[in-house]
Amino acid sequence: MYSVDLTTVLAGITLRNPVLTCSGTYGFGEEYAAYCPLEALGGITLKGITPLPRLGNLVPRLAETPAGLLNAVGLENPGLEEFLRSYLPKVRKLPTAVIANISGFSLEEYEHMARALQVDSGLAALEVNISCPNVKHGGMHFGTDPQSAEEVIAAVKAATNLPIIAKLSPNVTDIVGMARAVQRGGADALSLINTLLGMRIDIEQQRPLLANTFGGLSGPAIRPVAVRMVWQVAEAVDLPIIGMGGITTWQDAVEFLLAGATAISIGTGNFVNPQTPLEILRGITTYCEKHGKTSVRDLVGLAHQA
């Protein structure tokens, strides 16, 4: 039996293991504490925050698909001021690394949020969402135009002393170009992929099922796309990657690590089984033991050497 070192270093942050949770699927952490011990996780990424409170999109906001989930929540959140007052004092006490996720609709809004969130906040990093597909302006523009992406990451980088993780959209023709753009902007790490843009139509009502018409597709259906993009970016950009997109089993997680991800993040899988992160962590450990790896870091990008 091998002793496996699960320690993972991401953008200068030391995590106890490479298993994280995705923004928008884990609330502010406390919601899952009764179902999954947070101290067992490498870290959690908080629900996305915007400068002002948002009620989100009209309902219906969710729709199931074969092997996936469409969501058009619309960044519902309490806003930055309420987060700082009521939520941050709680989340900074959570027994794991906490990553805040920020979204804005202008360069100035991103800068404003970044200035309010510094190392002394107790957060481990900022994930900058430039890729949300279910709001009608803002994020998707930054997430699909390389120059805009570079500018917003550079603005956030200049405004905070926290490590910056750029969350990239798969709804582009050149994911490598986007990764290189945010690297030039100063990103310390990458999250990929966010959801793919999709829709469903209610055939009885003969109209779009989601009130927003379009939504973000997540779940196992998008995993092959996510693995492909992680592979491409890992070959082109020298930044650590948090791989995400349809991870529900330890085999999925190992696939992302072999493709070049330094860590992995679980989203939709949490809705199906809140203990999915624990099961994945056990599976990664057993896989390392079986293959004679004493450190999980030995798996990262291994498939590129084949």
C-alpha atoms as a PDB file:
ATOM      1  CA  MET A   1       0.000   0.000   0.000  1.00  0.00           C
ATOM      2  CA  TYR A   2       1.402   3.360  -1.045  1.00  0.00           C
ATOM      3  CA  SER A   3       1.136   6.517   1.009  1.00  0.00           C
ATOM      4  CA  VAL A   4      -0.294   9.143  -1.339  1.00  0.00           C
ATOM      5  CA  ASP A   5       0.508  12.832  -0.923  1.00  0.00           C
ATOM      6  CA  LEU A   6      -2.640  14.664  -2.013  1.00  0.00           C
ATOM      7  CA  THR A   7      -1.254  18.149  -1.402  1.00  0.00           C
ATOM      8  CA  THR A   8      -1.825  20.427  -4.368  1.00  0.00           C
ATOM      9  CA  VAL A   9      -0.312  23.837  -5.068  1.00  0.00           C
ATOM     10  CA  LEU A  10      -2.480  26.150  -7.135  1.00  0.00           C
ATOM     11  CA  ALA A  11      -1.387  29.688  -7.946  1.00  0.00           C
ATOM     12  CA  GLY A  12       0.741  29.757  -4.823  1.00  0.00           C
ATOM     13  CA  ILE A  13      -2.070  28.372  -2.655  1.00  0.00           C
ATOM     14  CA  THR A  14      -1.402  25.093  -0.876  1.00  0.00           C
ATOM     15  CA  LEU A  15      -4.509  22.908  -0.859  1.00  0.00           C
ATOM     16  CA  ARG A  16      -4.856  19.724   1.165  1.00  0.00           C
ATOM     17  CA  ASN A  17      -6.034  17.931  -1.982  1.00  0.00           C
ATOM     18  CA  PRO A  18      -7.059  18.745  -5.580  1.00  0.00           C
ATOM     19  CA  VAL A  19     -10.833  18.391  -5.103  1.00  0.00           C
ATOM     20  CA  LEU A  20     -12.788  21.668  -5.180  1.00  0.00           C
ATOM     21  CA  THR A  21     -16.405  22.662  -5.743  1.00  0.00           C
ATOM     22  CA  CYS A  22     -17.744  24.930  -8.488  1.00  0.00           C
ATOM     23  CA  SER A  23     -19.219  28.359  -7.991  1.00  0.00           C
ATOM     24  CA  GLY A  24     -22.979  28.441  -8.256  1.00  0.00           C
ATOM     25  CA  THR A  25     -23.383  24.883  -7.027  1.00  0.00           C
ATOM     26  CA  TYR A  26     -22.194  25.137  -3.415  1.00  0.00           C
ATOM     27  CA  GLY A  27     -23.788  28.292  -2.073  1.00  0.00           C
ATOM     28  CA  PHE A  28     -21.585  29.880   0.581  1.00  0.00           C
ATOM     29  CA  GLY A  29     -20.401  26.536   1.956  1.00  0.00           C
ATOM     30  CA  GLU A  30     -22.621  26.219   4.990  1.00  0.00           C
ATOM     31  CA  GLU A  31     -25.450  24.788   2.889  1.00  0.00           C
ATOM     32  CA  TYR A  32     -23.484  21.559   2.365  1.00  0.00           C
ATOM     33  CA  ALA A  33     -21.766  21.278   5.743  1.00  0.00           C
ATOM     34  CA  ALA A  34     -24.312  18.750   7.052  1.00  0.00           C
ATOM     35  CA  TYR A  35     -23.798  16.486   4.045  1.00  0.00           C
ATOM     36  CA  CYS A  36     -20.099  16.765   3.270  1.00  0.00           C
ATOM     37  CA  PRO A  37     -17.367  17.679   5.794  1.00  0.00           C
ATOM     38  CA  LEU A  38     -15.793  20.804   4.332  1.00  0.00           C
ATOM     39  CA  GLU A  39     -12.487  20.079   6.049  1.00  0.00           C
ATOM     40  CA  ALA A  40     -12.094  17.064   3.747  1.00  0.00           C
ATOM     41  CA  LEU A  41     -12.112  19.214   0.620  1.00  0.00           C
ATOM     42  CA  GLY A  42      -9.238  21.008  -1.030  1.00  0.00           C
ATOM     43  CA  GLY A  43     -11.426  24.084  -1.208  1.00  0.00           C
ATOM     44  CA  ILE A  44     -14.778  25.536  -2.207  1.00  0.00           C
ATOM     45  CA  THR A  45     -15.691  28.289  -4.635  1.00  0.00           C
ATOM     46  CA  LEU A  46     -18.463  30.532  -3.385  1.00  0.00           C
ATOM     47  CA  LYS A  47     -21.628  31.552  -5.163  1.00  0.00           C
ATOM     48  CA  GLY A  48     -20.906  34.356  -7.607  1.00  0.00           C
ATOM     49  CA  ILE A  49     -21.052  37.918  -6.270  1.00  0.00           C
ATOM     50  CA  THR A  50     -21.877  41.091  -8.192  1.00  0.00           C
ATOM     51  CA  PRO A  51     -21.495  44.712  -7.017  1.00  0.00           C
ATOM     52  CA  LEU A  52     -25.243  45.127  -6.427  1.00  0.00           C
ATOM     53  CA  PRO A  53     -27.826  42.542  -5.309  1.00  0.00           C
ATOM     54  CA  ARG A  54     -29.489  40.598  -8.113  1.00  0.00           C
ATOM     55  CA  LEU A  55     -32.798  38.756  -8.074  1.00  0.00           C
ATOM     56  CA  GLY A  56     -31.719  36.710 -11.065  1.00  0.00           C
ATOM     57  CA  ASN A  57     -33.785  35.647 -14.038  1.00  0.00           C
ATOM     58  CA  LEU A  58     -37.476  34.851 -14.089  1.00  0.00           C
ATOM     59  CA  VAL A  59     -38.588  31.253 -13.569  1.00  0.00           C
ATOM     60  CA  PRO A  60     -38.383  28.606 -14.834  1.00  0.00           C
ATOM     61  CA  ARG A  61     -34.620  28.735 -14.445  1.00  0.00           C
ATOM     62  CA  LEU A  62     -33.703  25.035 -14.578  1.00  0.00           C
ATOM     63  CA  ALA A  63     -34.331  22.288 -17.085  1.00  0.00           C
ATOM     64  CA  GLU A  64     -32.991  18.749 -17.151  1.00  0.00           C
ATOM     65  CA  THR A  65     -31.532  17.288 -20.336  1.00  0.00           C
ATOM     66  CA  PRO A  66     -30.104  13.849 -21.126  1.00  0.00           C
ATOM     67  CA  ALA A  67     -26.898  13.640 -19.064  1.00  0.00           C
ATOM     68  CA  GLY A  68     -27.064  17.319 -18.204  1.00  0.00           C
ATOM     69  CA  LEU A  69     -28.727  20.338 -16.663  1.00  0.00           C
ATOM     70  CA  LEU A  70     -29.620  23.703 -18.174  1.00  0.00           C
ATOM     71  CA  ASN A  71     -29.557  26.643 -15.776  1.00  0.00           C
ATOM     72  CA  ALA A  72     -30.411  30.287 -16.250  1.00  0.00           C
ATOM     73  CA  VAL A  73     -30.295  31.482 -12.658  1.00  0.00           C
ATOM     74  CA  GLY A  74     -28.919  34.853 -13.715  1.00  0.00           C
ATOM     75  CA  LEU A  75     -26.356  35.450 -10.967  1.00  0.00           C
ATOM     76  CA  GLU A  76     -28.870  35.779  -8.136  1.00  0.00           C
ATOM     77  CA  ASN A  77     -26.868  36.957  -5.107  1.00  0.00           C
ATOM     78  CA  PRO A  78     -26.978  39.384  -2.159  1.00  0.00           C
ATOM     79  CA  GLY A  79     -24.448  41.821  -3.630  1.00  0.00           C
ATOM     80  CA  LEU A  80     -20.979  42.826  -2.510  1.00  0.00           C
ATOM     81  CA  GLU A  81     -21.954  45.000   0.471  1.00  0.00           C
ATOM     82  CA  GLU A  82     -24.159  42.337   2.034  1.00  0.00           C
ATOM     83  CA  PHE A  83     -21.542  39.667   1.298  1.00  0.00           C
ATOM     84  CA  LEU A  84     -18.892  41.663   3.147  1.00  0.00           C
ATOM     85  CA  ARG A  85     -21.208  42.366   6.080  1.00  0.00           C
ATOM     86  CA  SER A  86     -23.073  39.099   6.574  1.00  0.00           C
ATOM     87  CA  TYR A  87     -21.366  36.288   4.681  1.00  0.00           C
ATOM     88  CA  LEU A  88     -17.618  36.939   4.708  1.00  0.00           C
ATOM     89  CA  PRO A  89     -17.286  36.720   8.528  1.00  0.00           C
ATOM     90  CA  LYS A  90     -18.756  33.217   8.286  1.00  0.00           C
ATOM     91  CA  VAL A  91     -17.013  31.880   5.199  1.00  0.00           C
ATOM     92  CA  ARG A  92     -13.567  32.988   6.377  1.00  0.00           C
ATOM     93  CA  LYS A  93     -14.012  30.559   9.304  1.00  0.00           C
ATOM     94  CA  LEU A  94     -14.758  27.562   7.096  1.00  0.00           C
ATOM     95  CA  PRO A  95     -12.206  24.753   7.530  1.00  0.00           C
ATOM     96  CA  THR A  96     -10.983  24.759   3.938  1.00  0.00           C
ATOM     97  CA  ALA A  97      -9.626  27.129   1.311  1.00  0.00           C
ATOM     98  CA  VAL A  98     -12.334  29.553   0.160  1.00  0.00           C
ATOM     99  CA  ILE A  99     -12.320  31.095  -3.305  1.00  0.00           C
ATOM    100  CA  ALA A 100     -14.645  34.019  -4.030  1.00  0.00           C
ATOM    101  CA  ASN A 101     -16.225  34.293  -7.470  1.00  0.00           C
ATOM    102  CA  ILE A 102     -16.863  37.789  -8.826  1.00  0.00           C
ATOM    103  CA  SER A 103     -18.825  39.018 -11.843  1.00  0.00           C
ATOM    104  CA  GLY A 104     -19.360  42.472 -13.265  1.00  0.00           C
ATOM    105  CA  PHE A 105     -20.934  44.250 -16.195  1.00  0.00           C
ATOM    106  CA  SER A 106     -18.156  46.779 -16.752  1.00  0.00           C
ATOM    107  CA  LEU A 107     -14.431  47.081 -16.158  1.00  0.00           C
ATOM    108  CA  GLU A 108     -15.104  49.488 -13.302  1.00  0.00           C
ATOM    109  CA  GLU A 109     -17.391  47.001 -11.535  1.00  0.00           C
ATOM    110  CA  TYR A 110     -14.742  44.284 -11.651  1.00  0.00           C
ATOM    111  CA  GLU A 111     -12.164  46.719 -10.265  1.00  0.00           C
ATOM    112  CA  HIS A 112     -14.538  47.819  -7.497  1.00  0.00           C
ATOM    113  CA  MET A 113     -15.100  44.249  -6.356  1.00  0.00           C
ATOM    114  CA  ALA A 114     -11.447  43.325  -6.508  1.00  0.00           C
ATOM    115  CA  ARG A 115     -10.447  46.313  -4.346  1.00  0.00           C
ATOM    116  CA  ALA A 116     -12.896  45.153  -1.673  1.00  0.00           C
ATOM    117  CA  LEU A 117     -11.438  41.645  -1.525  1.00  0.00           C
ATOM    118  CA  GLN A 118      -7.828  41.392  -0.394  1.00  0.00           C
ATOM    119  CA  VAL A 119      -5.588  38.855   1.337  1.00  0.00           C
ATOM    120  CA  ASP A 120      -6.673  40.117   4.777  1.00  0.00           C
ATOM    121  CA  SER A 121     -10.245  39.059   3.931  1.00  0.00           C
ATOM    122  CA  GLY A 122      -9.302  35.471   4.703  1.00  0.00           C
ATOM    123  CA  LEU A 123     -10.058  34.354   1.144  1.00  0.00           C
ATOM    124  CA  ALA A 124      -7.573  32.175  -0.707  1.00  0.00           C
ATOM    125  CA  ALA A 125      -8.151  33.566  -4.221  1.00  0.00           C
ATOM    126  CA  LEU A 126     -10.545  35.372  -6.555  1.00  0.00           C
ATOM    127  CA  GLU A 127     -12.150  33.537  -9.430  1.00  0.00           C
ATOM    128  CA  VAL A 128     -13.089  36.095 -12.067  1.00  0.00           C
ATOM    129  CA  ASN A 129     -16.182  35.057 -13.970  1.00  0.00           C
ATOM    130  CA  ILE A 130     -15.923  36.431 -17.483  1.00  0.00           C
ATOM    131  CA  SER A 131     -17.950  33.600 -18.943  1.00  0.00           C
ATOM    132  CA  CYS A 132     -21.518  33.517 -17.633  1.00  0.00           C
ATOM    133  CA  PRO A 133     -23.827  32.525 -20.508  1.00  0.00           C
ATOM    134  CA  ASN A 134     -27.177  33.344 -18.941  1.00  0.00           C
ATOM    135  CA  VAL A 135     -27.088  37.100 -18.482  1.00  0.00           C
ATOM    136  CA  LYS A 136     -27.825  39.356 -21.403  1.00  0.00           C
ATOM    137  CA  HIS A 137     -24.764  41.574 -21.205  1.00  0.00           C
ATOM    138  CA  GLY A 138     -21.422  41.879 -19.459  1.00  0.00           C
ATOM    139  CA  GLY A 139     -19.768  38.551 -18.755  1.00  0.00           C
ATOM    140  CA  MET A 140     -20.132  36.908 -22.144  1.00  0.00           C
ATOM    141  CA  HIS A 141     -18.576  39.889 -23.892  1.00  0.00           C
ATOM    142  CA  PHE A 142     -15.523  39.747 -21.673  1.00  0.00           C
ATOM    143  CA  GLY A 143     -15.423  35.977 -22.035  1.00  0.00           C
ATOM    144  CA  THR A 144     -15.494  35.833 -25.831  1.00  0.00           C
ATOM    145  CA  ASP A 145     -13.252  38.743 -26.819  1.00  0.00           C
ATOM    146  CA  PRO A 146      -9.535  38.199 -26.079  1.00  0.00           C
ATOM    147  CA  GLN A 147      -8.682  41.879 -25.715  1.00  0.00           C
ATOM    148  CA  SER A 148     -11.594  42.506 -23.329  1.00  0.00           C
ATOM    149  CA  ALA A 149     -10.672  39.405 -21.321  1.00  0.00           C
ATOM    150  CA  GLU A 150      -7.078  40.573 -21.016  1.00  0.00           C
ATOM    151  CA  GLU A 151      -8.172  44.038 -19.917  1.00  0.00           C
ATOM    152  CA  VAL A 152     -10.561  42.853 -17.202  1.00  0.00           C
ATOM    153  CA  ILE A 153      -8.046  40.396 -15.759  1.00  0.00           C
ATOM    154  CA  ALA A 154      -5.348  43.089 -15.771  1.00  0.00           C
ATOM    155  CA  ALA A 155      -7.712  45.491 -13.991  1.00  0.00           C
ATOM    156  CA  VAL A 156      -8.577  42.915 -11.309  1.00  0.00           C
ATOM    157  CA  LYS A 157      -4.923  41.950 -10.899  1.00  0.00           C
ATOM    158  CA  ALA A 158      -3.969  45.575 -10.279  1.00  0.00           C
ATOM    159  CA  ALA A 159      -6.757  46.054  -7.734  1.00  0.00           C
ATOM    160  CA  THR A 160      -6.165  43.108  -5.372  1.00  0.00           C
ATOM    161  CA  ASN A 161      -3.311  41.181  -3.808  1.00  0.00           C
ATOM    162  CA  LEU A 162      -5.189  37.875  -3.970  1.00  0.00           C
ATOM    163  CA  PRO A 163      -4.281  35.265  -6.606  1.00  0.00           C
ATOM    164  CA  ILE A 164      -6.469  35.600  -9.702  1.00  0.00           C
ATOM    165  CA  ILE A 165      -8.205  32.648 -11.354  1.00  0.00           C
ATOM    166  CA  ALA A 166      -9.770  33.422 -14.734  1.00  0.00           C
ATOM    167  CA  LYS A 167     -12.894  31.370 -15.463  1.00  0.00           C
ATOM    168  CA  LEU A 168     -13.074  30.794 -19.199  1.00  0.00           C
ATOM    169  CA  SER A 169     -16.084  30.266 -21.432  1.00  0.00           C
ATOM    170  CA  PRO A 170     -16.212  27.294 -23.817  1.00  0.00           C
ATOM    171  CA  ASN A 171     -18.485  29.321 -26.112  1.00  0.00           C
ATOM    172  CA  VAL A 172     -15.555  30.468 -28.252  1.00  0.00           C
ATOM    173  CA  THR A 173     -13.828  29.215 -31.369  1.00  0.00           C
ATOM    174  CA  ASP A 174     -10.313  29.471 -29.900  1.00  0.00           C
ATOM    175  CA  ILE A 175      -9.998  28.537 -26.229  1.00  0.00           C
ATOM    176  CA  VAL A 176      -6.201  28.686 -26.420  1.00  0.00           C
ATOM    177  CA  GLY A 177      -6.346  32.283 -27.630  1.00  0.00           C
ATOM    178  CA  MET A 178      -8.555  33.199 -24.682  1.00  0.00           C
ATOM    179  CA  ALA A 179      -6.216  31.436 -22.247  1.00  0.00           C
ATOM    180  CA  ARG A 180      -3.217  33.282 -23.645  1.00  0.00           C
ATOM    181  CA  ALA A 181      -5.093  36.583 -23.384  1.00  0.00           C
ATOM    182  CA  VAL A 182      -5.854  36.200 -19.682  1.00  0.00           C
ATOM    183  CA  GLN A 183      -2.300  35.004 -19.078  1.00  0.00           C
ATOM    184  CA  ARG A 184      -1.069  38.270 -20.580  1.00  0.00           C
ATOM    185  CA  GLY A 185      -3.509  40.057 -18.272  1.00  0.00           C
ATOM    186  CA  GLY A 186      -1.811  38.495 -15.258  1.00  0.00           C
ATOM    187  CA  ALA A 187      -4.010  35.524 -14.362  1.00  0.00           C
ATOM    188  CA  ASP A 188      -2.396  33.156 -11.869  1.00  0.00           C
ATOM    189  CA  ALA A 189      -4.588  30.176 -12.779  1.00  0.00           C
ATOM    190  CA  LEU A 190      -7.470  29.169 -15.031  1.00  0.00           C
ATOM    191  CA  SER A 191     -10.864  27.549 -14.467  1.00  0.00           C
ATOM    192  CA  LEU A 192     -12.268  25.692 -17.441  1.00  0.00           C
ATOM    193  CA  ILE A 193     -14.771  25.087 -18.603  1.00  0.00           C
ATOM    194  CA  ASN A 194     -17.878  27.025 -17.692  1.00  0.00           C
ATOM    195  CA  THR A 195     -21.221  25.903 -19.117  1.00  0.00           C
ATOM    196  CA  LEU A 196     -22.039  25.610 -22.801  1.00  0.00           C
ATOM    197  CA  LEU A 197     -24.884  27.713 -24.154  1.00  0.00           C
ATOM    198  CA  GLY A 198     -28.027  25.672 -24.794  1.00  0.00           C
ATOM    199  CA  MET A 199     -31.817  25.676 -24.732  1.00  0.00           C
ATOM    200  CA  ARG A 200     -34.911  23.496 -24.583  1.00  0.00           C
ATOM    201  CA  ILE A 201     -38.365  24.007 -26.101  1.00  0.00           C
ATOM    202  CA  ASP A 202     -41.585  22.974 -24.392  1.00  0.00           C
ATOM    203  CA  ILE A 203     -43.326  21.158 -27.238  1.00  0.00           C
ATOM    204  CA  GLU A 204     -46.766  21.394 -25.599  1.00  0.00           C
ATOM    205  CA  GLN A 205     -46.547  25.144 -24.951  1.00  0.00           C
ATOM    206  CA  GLN A 206     -44.514  25.535 -28.166  1.00  0.00           C
ATOM    207  CA  ARG A 207     -42.121  28.029 -26.627  1.00  0.00           C
ATOM    208  CA  PRO A 208     -38.731  28.020 -24.898  1.00  0.00           C
ATOM    209  CA  LEU A 209     -38.800  26.111 -21.634  1.00  0.00           C
ATOM    210  CA  LEU A 210     -36.518  28.561 -19.814  1.00  0.00           C
ATOM    211  CA  ALA A 211     -37.849  32.053 -19.160  1.00  0.00           C
ATOM    212  CA  ASN A 212     -34.446  33.374 -20.254  1.00  0.00           C
ATOM    213  CA  THR A 213     -34.681  31.289 -23.482  1.00  0.00           C
ATOM    214  CA  PHE A 214     -31.046  30.205 -23.229  1.00  0.00           C
ATOM    215  CA  GLY A 215     -29.138  28.670 -20.337  1.00  0.00           C
ATOM    216  CA  GLY A 216     -25.842  27.113 -19.408  1.00  0.00           C
ATOM    217  CA  LEU A 217     -25.523  23.375 -20.033  1.00  0.00           C
ATOM    218  CA  SER A 218     -23.579  21.455 -17.403  1.00  0.00           C
ATOM    219  CA  GLY A 219     -23.210  17.828 -16.370  1.00  0.00           C
ATOM    220  CA  PRO A 220     -21.699  14.719 -18.003  1.00  0.00           C
ATOM    221  CA  ALA A 221     -22.899  15.759 -21.467  1.00  0.00           C
ATOM    222  CA  ILE A 222     -20.206  18.467 -21.669  1.00  0.00           C
ATOM    223  CA  ARG A 223     -17.314  16.489 -20.174  1.00  0.00           C
ATOM    224  CA  PRO A 224     -15.629  15.441 -23.458  1.00  0.00           C
ATOM    225  CA  VAL A 225     -15.592  19.095 -24.565  1.00  0.00           C
ATOM    226  CA  ALA A 226     -14.112  20.130 -21.218  1.00  0.00           C
ATOM    227  CA  VAL A 227     -11.382  17.473 -21.328  1.00  0.00           C
ATOM    228  CA  ARG A 228     -10.470  18.528 -24.859  1.00  0.00           C
ATOM    229  CA  MET A 229     -10.170  22.176 -23.874  1.00  0.00           C
ATOM    230  CA  VAL A 230      -8.118  21.419 -20.757  1.00  0.00           C
ATOM    231  CA  TRP A 231      -5.777  19.336 -22.931  1.00  0.00           C
ATOM    232  CA  GLN A 232      -5.380  22.114 -25.515  1.00  0.00           C
ATOM    233  CA  VAL A 233      -4.779  24.837 -22.958  1.00  0.00           C
ATOM    234  CA  ALA A 234      -2.348  22.711 -20.924  1.00  0.00           C
ATOM    235  CA  GLU A 235      -0.219  22.270 -24.042  1.00  0.00           C
ATOM    236  CA  ALA A 236      -0.209  25.987 -24.859  1.00  0.00           C
ATOM    237  CA  VAL A 237      -0.237  27.931 -21.586  1.00  0.00           C
ATOM    238  CA  ASP A 238       2.000  27.603 -18.541  1.00  0.00           C
ATOM    239  CA  LEU A 239      -0.658  28.228 -15.899  1.00  0.00           C
ATOM    240  CA  PRO A 240      -2.280  25.793 -13.442  1.00  0.00           C
ATOM    241  CA  ILE A 241      -5.751  24.710 -14.505  1.00  0.00           C
ATOM    242  CA  ILE A 242      -8.811  23.854 -12.442  1.00  0.00           C
ATOM    243  CA  GLY A 243     -10.607  21.350 -14.645  1.00  0.00           C
ATOM    244  CA  MET A 244     -14.388  21.241 -14.499  1.00  0.00           C
ATOM    245  CA  GLY A 245     -17.344  20.214 -16.608  1.00  0.00           C
ATOM    246  CA  GLY A 246     -19.367  17.080 -15.928  1.00  0.00           C
ATOM    247  CA  ILE A 247     -17.181  15.491 -13.259  1.00  0.00           C
ATOM    248  CA  THR A 248     -19.312  13.012 -11.305  1.00  0.00           C
ATOM    249  CA  THR A 249     -16.931  10.090 -10.672  1.00  0.00           C
ATOM    250  CA  TRP A 250     -13.312   9.598  -9.679  1.00  0.00           C
ATOM    251  CA  GLN A 251     -12.616   8.284 -13.174  1.00  0.00           C
ATOM    252  CA  ASP A 252     -13.782  11.610 -14.595  1.00  0.00           C
ATOM    253  CA  ALA A 253     -11.511  13.464 -12.187  1.00  0.00           C
ATOM    254  CA  VAL A 254      -8.468  11.366 -13.074  1.00  0.00           C
ATOM    255  CA  GLU A 255      -9.143  12.003 -16.762  1.00  0.00           C
ATOM    256  CA  PHE A 256      -8.943  15.766 -16.172  1.00  0.00           C
ATOM    257  CA  LEU A 257      -5.738  15.424 -14.155  1.00  0.00           C
ATOM    258  CA  LEU A 258      -4.115  13.332 -16.881  1.00  0.00           C
ATOM    259  CA  ALA A 259      -5.218  15.940 -19.441  1.00  0.00           C
ATOM    260  CA  GLY A 260      -3.303  18.619 -17.556  1.00  0.00           C
ATOM    261  CA  ALA A 261      -5.514  19.945 -14.771  1.00  0.00           C
ATOM    262  CA  THR A 262      -3.754  20.674 -11.482  1.00  0.00           C
ATOM    263  CA  ALA A 263      -7.043  20.471  -9.577  1.00  0.00           C
ATOM    264  CA  ILE A 264     -10.630  19.566 -10.385  1.00  0.00           C
ATOM    265  CA  SER A 265     -13.938  21.143  -9.420  1.00  0.00           C
ATOM    266  CA  ILE A 266     -17.334  19.491  -9.033  1.00  0.00           C
ATOM    267  CA  GLY A 267     -20.545  21.297  -9.922  1.00  0.00           C
ATOM    268  CA  THR A 268     -23.710  19.551 -11.079  1.00  0.00           C
ATOM    269  CA  GLY A 269     -22.544  16.329  -9.429  1.00  0.00           C
ATOM    270  CA  ASN A 270     -23.147  17.962  -6.034  1.00  0.00           C
ATOM    271  CA  PHE A 271     -26.863  18.208  -6.814  1.00  0.00           C
ATOM    272  CA  VAL A 272     -27.096  14.492  -7.537  1.00  0.00           C
ATOM    273  CA  ASN A 273     -25.009  13.359  -4.574  1.00  0.00           C
ATOM    274  CA  PRO A 274     -23.608  15.834  -2.015  1.00  0.00           C
ATOM    275  CA  GLN A 275     -20.909  13.309  -1.098  1.00  0.00           C
ATOM    276  CA  THR A 276     -19.570  13.141  -4.651  1.00  0.00           C
ATOM    277  CA  PRO A 277     -16.388  15.090  -3.701  1.00  0.00           C
ATOM    278  CA  LEU A 278     -15.562  12.569  -0.973  1.00  0.00           C
ATOM    279  CA  GLU A 279     -16.116   9.603  -3.269  1.00  0.00           C
ATOM    280  CA  ILE A 280     -13.945  11.208  -5.924  1.00  0.00           C
ATOM    281  CA  LEU A 281     -11.192  11.903  -3.416  1.00  0.00           C
ATOM    282  CA  ARG A 282     -11.168   8.274  -2.279  1.00  0.00           C
ATOM    283  CA  GLY A 283     -11.101   7.111  -5.881  1.00  0.00           C
ATOM    284  CA  ILE A 284      -8.166   9.341  -6.808  1.00  0.00           C
ATOM    285  CA  THR A 285      -6.239   8.023  -3.808  1.00  0.00           C
ATOM    286  CA  THR A 286      -6.900   4.392  -4.734  1.00  0.00           C
ATOM    287  CA  TYR A 287      -5.954   5.076  -8.351  1.00  0.00           C
ATOM    288  CA  CYS A 288      -2.619   6.582  -7.287  1.00  0.00           C
ATOM    289  CA  GLU A 289      -1.920   3.585  -5.063  1.00  0.00           C
ATOM    290  CA  LYS A 290      -2.774   1.146  -7.846  1.00  0.00           C
ATOM    291  CA  HIS A 291      -0.457   2.899 -10.285  1.00  0.00           C
ATOM    292  CA  GLY A 292       2.415   3.404  -7.876  1.00  0.00           C
ATOM    293  CA  LYS A 293       2.094   7.179  -7.596  1.00  0.00           C
ATOM    294  CA  THR A 294       3.125   8.594  -4.231  1.00  0.00           C
ATOM    295  CA  SER A 295       1.838  12.079  -5.088  1.00  0.00           C
ATOM    296  CA  VAL A 296      -1.306  13.159  -6.915  1.00  0.00           C
ATOM    297  CA  ARG A 297       0.861  15.778  -8.588  1.00  0.00           C
ATOM    298  CA  ASP A 298       2.490  12.956 -10.566  1.00  0.00           C
ATOM    299  CA  LEU A 299      -0.763  12.519 -12.505  1.00  0.00           C
ATOM    300  CA  VAL A 300      -0.983  16.080 -13.801  1.00  0.00           C
ATOM    301  CA  GLY A 301      -0.511  16.131 -17.557  1.00  0.00           C
ATOM    302  CA  LEU A 302       0.748  12.555 -17.636  1.00  0.00           C
ATOM    303  CA  ALA A 303      -1.249  11.705 -20.754  1.00  0.00           C
ATOM    304  CA  HIS A 304       0.742  14.296 -22.708  1.00  0.00           C
ATOM    305  CA  GLN A 305       3.863  12.194 -22.194  1.00  0.00           C
ATOM    306  CA  ALA A 306       2.363   9.027 -23.652  1.00  0.00           C
END
